Amino acid sequence: MKKYKIGITVDDTITDLFSQGIMQNCIYLYLLLEKYGHFPFWILSNNEELSNLKKECTEKNLTYNNAMCYNDLKEDNFDIILVVRQVIGE
């Protein structure tokens, strides 16, 4: 089976599991993709959100290893990008 590199756009509220149901679903999707050997990545708007995400995930023992800012994307980086929480480019 081909392994895909999949980006999931989120913001730094992803760690607020109970305030946004969609964020909880994003976390489960990330973990599921990772479990089946794919390469999921969090894509955030800016460095501040990325820094907040890493801090919050570290405190809550959540996965954030594969996270990057929108500005660091290149056309050939991903097989699929799921736009969930933010509009890419804004």
C-alpha atoms as a PDB file:
ATOM      1  CA  MET A   1       0.000   0.000   0.000  1.00  0.00           C
ATOM      2  CA  LYS A   2       1.284   3.450  -0.873  1.00  0.00           C
ATOM      3  CA  LYS A   3       2.065   5.675   2.086  1.00  0.00           C
ATOM      4  CA  TYR A   4       0.769   9.237   1.732  1.00  0.00           C
ATOM      5  CA  LYS A   5       2.053  12.496   3.151  1.00  0.00           C
ATOM      6  CA  ILE A   6      -1.113  14.217   4.365  1.00  0.00           C
ATOM      7  CA  GLY A   7      -1.386  17.760   5.682  1.00  0.00           C
ATOM      8  CA  ILE A   8      -4.204  18.787   8.027  1.00  0.00           C
ATOM      9  CA  THR A   9      -4.726  22.526   8.460  1.00  0.00           C
ATOM     10  CA  VAL A  10      -5.467  23.524  12.040  1.00  0.00           C
ATOM     11  CA  ASP A  11      -4.876  26.389  14.400  1.00  0.00           C
ATOM     12  CA  ASP A  12      -3.438  26.380  17.887  1.00  0.00           C
ATOM     13  CA  THR A  13      -6.844  25.633  19.437  1.00  0.00           C
ATOM     14  CA  ILE A  14      -6.399  22.000  18.416  1.00  0.00           C
ATOM     15  CA  THR A  15      -5.438  21.125  21.974  1.00  0.00           C
ATOM     16  CA  ASP A  16      -8.775  22.443  23.287  1.00  0.00           C
ATOM     17  CA  LEU A  17     -10.421  19.076  22.747  1.00  0.00           C
ATOM     18  CA  PHE A  18     -13.728  19.909  24.326  1.00  0.00           C
ATOM     19  CA  SER A  19     -14.242  23.378  22.882  1.00  0.00           C
ATOM     20  CA  GLN A  20     -14.155  22.377  19.236  1.00  0.00           C
ATOM     21  CA  GLY A  21     -15.470  18.968  18.189  1.00  0.00           C
ATOM     22  CA  ILE A  22     -13.793  19.265  14.803  1.00  0.00           C
ATOM     23  CA  MET A  23     -10.406  19.587  16.506  1.00  0.00           C
ATOM     24  CA  GLN A  24     -10.950  16.354  18.404  1.00  0.00           C
ATOM     25  CA  ASN A  25     -11.783  14.652  15.106  1.00  0.00           C
ATOM     26  CA  CYS A  26      -8.580  16.067  13.588  1.00  0.00           C
ATOM     27  CA  ILE A  27      -6.510  14.552  16.372  1.00  0.00           C
ATOM     28  CA  TYR A  28      -8.144  11.149  15.920  1.00  0.00           C
ATOM     29  CA  LEU A  29      -7.668  11.374  12.145  1.00  0.00           C
ATOM     30  CA  TYR A  30      -3.976  12.248  12.621  1.00  0.00           C
ATOM     31  CA  LEU A  31      -3.482   9.281  14.972  1.00  0.00           C
ATOM     32  CA  LEU A  32      -5.346   6.932  12.632  1.00  0.00           C
ATOM     33  CA  LEU A  33      -3.298   8.003   9.609  1.00  0.00           C
ATOM     34  CA  GLU A  34      -0.110   7.582  11.616  1.00  0.00           C
ATOM     35  CA  LYS A  35      -1.179   4.133  12.829  1.00  0.00           C
ATOM     36  CA  TYR A  36      -1.653   2.937   9.251  1.00  0.00           C
ATOM     37  CA  GLY A  37       1.790   4.095   8.199  1.00  0.00           C
ATOM     38  CA  HIS A  38       0.962   7.397   6.519  1.00  0.00           C
ATOM     39  CA  PHE A  39       2.778  10.641   7.284  1.00  0.00           C
ATOM     40  CA  PRO A  40       0.305  13.172   8.696  1.00  0.00           C
ATOM     41  CA  PHE A  41       1.384  16.765   9.339  1.00  0.00           C
ATOM     42  CA  TRP A  42      -0.267  19.639  11.163  1.00  0.00           C
ATOM     43  CA  ILE A  43      -0.221  22.795   9.028  1.00  0.00           C
ATOM     44  CA  LEU A  44      -0.582  26.073  10.928  1.00  0.00           C
ATOM     45  CA  SER A  45      -0.818  29.694   9.791  1.00  0.00           C
ATOM     46  CA  ASN A  46       2.274  31.121  11.422  1.00  0.00           C
ATOM     47  CA  ASN A  47       5.212  30.492  13.751  1.00  0.00           C
ATOM     48  CA  GLU A  48       3.323  31.767  16.790  1.00  0.00           C
ATOM     49  CA  GLU A  49       0.574  29.162  16.310  1.00  0.00           C
ATOM     50  CA  LEU A  50       3.214  26.484  15.714  1.00  0.00           C
ATOM     51  CA  SER A  51       5.001  27.427  18.915  1.00  0.00           C
ATOM     52  CA  ASN A  52       1.722  27.401  20.879  1.00  0.00           C
ATOM     53  CA  LEU A  53       0.799  24.009  19.420  1.00  0.00           C
ATOM     54  CA  LYS A  54       4.121  22.462  20.396  1.00  0.00           C
ATOM     55  CA  LYS A  55       3.905  23.863  23.917  1.00  0.00           C
ATOM     56  CA  GLU A  56       0.312  22.713  24.466  1.00  0.00           C
ATOM     57  CA  CYS A  57       0.909  19.265  22.976  1.00  0.00           C
ATOM     58  CA  THR A  58       3.978  18.734  25.127  1.00  0.00           C
ATOM     59  CA  GLU A  59       1.956  19.585  28.232  1.00  0.00           C
ATOM     60  CA  LYS A  60      -0.894  17.246  27.211  1.00  0.00           C
ATOM     61  CA  ASN A  61       1.240  14.410  25.758  1.00  0.00           C
ATOM     62  CA  LEU A  62      -0.232  14.776  22.261  1.00  0.00           C
ATOM     63  CA  THR A  63       1.602  14.187  18.987  1.00  0.00           C
ATOM     64  CA  TYR A  64       2.996  17.224  17.245  1.00  0.00           C
ATOM     65  CA  ASN A  65       6.210  15.889  15.724  1.00  0.00           C
ATOM     66  CA  ASN A  66       5.051  16.560  12.208  1.00  0.00           C
ATOM     67  CA  ALA A  67       3.998  20.188  12.236  1.00  0.00           C
ATOM     68  CA  MET A  68       4.855  23.077   9.965  1.00  0.00           C
ATOM     69  CA  CYS A  69       3.799  26.580   9.001  1.00  0.00           C
ATOM     70  CA  TYR A  70       1.899  27.377   5.846  1.00  0.00           C
ATOM     71  CA  ASN A  71       4.794  29.548   4.647  1.00  0.00           C
ATOM     72  CA  ASP A  72       7.088  26.508   4.657  1.00  0.00           C
ATOM     73  CA  LEU A  73       4.906  24.549   2.241  1.00  0.00           C
ATOM     74  CA  LYS A  74       6.054  23.750  -1.258  1.00  0.00           C
ATOM     75  CA  GLU A  75       3.890  22.431  -4.063  1.00  0.00           C
ATOM     76  CA  ASP A  76       5.421  18.966  -3.945  1.00  0.00           C
ATOM     77  CA  ASN A  77       5.366  18.577  -0.153  1.00  0.00           C
ATOM     78  CA  PHE A  78       2.082  16.696   0.213  1.00  0.00           C
ATOM     79  CA  ASP A  79      -0.022  14.127  -1.564  1.00  0.00           C
ATOM     80  CA  ILE A  80      -3.173  15.462   0.137  1.00  0.00           C
ATOM     81  CA  ILE A  81      -3.996  18.559   2.180  1.00  0.00           C
ATOM     82  CA  LEU A  82      -7.200  18.579   4.235  1.00  0.00           C
ATOM     83  CA  VAL A  83      -8.328  22.141   4.908  1.00  0.00           C
ATOM     84  CA  VAL A  84     -10.202  21.906   8.194  1.00  0.00           C
ATOM     85  CA  ARG A  85      -9.765  24.923  10.403  1.00  0.00           C
ATOM     86  CA  GLN A  86      -8.268  27.675   8.308  1.00  0.00           C
ATOM     87  CA  VAL A  87      -8.133  28.828   4.733  1.00  0.00           C
ATOM     88  CA  ILE A  88      -4.693  28.247   3.296  1.00  0.00           C
ATOM     89  CA  GLY A  89      -3.113  31.478   2.228  1.00  0.00           C
ATOM     90  CA  GLU A  90      -4.866  33.726   4.699  1.00  0.00           C
END
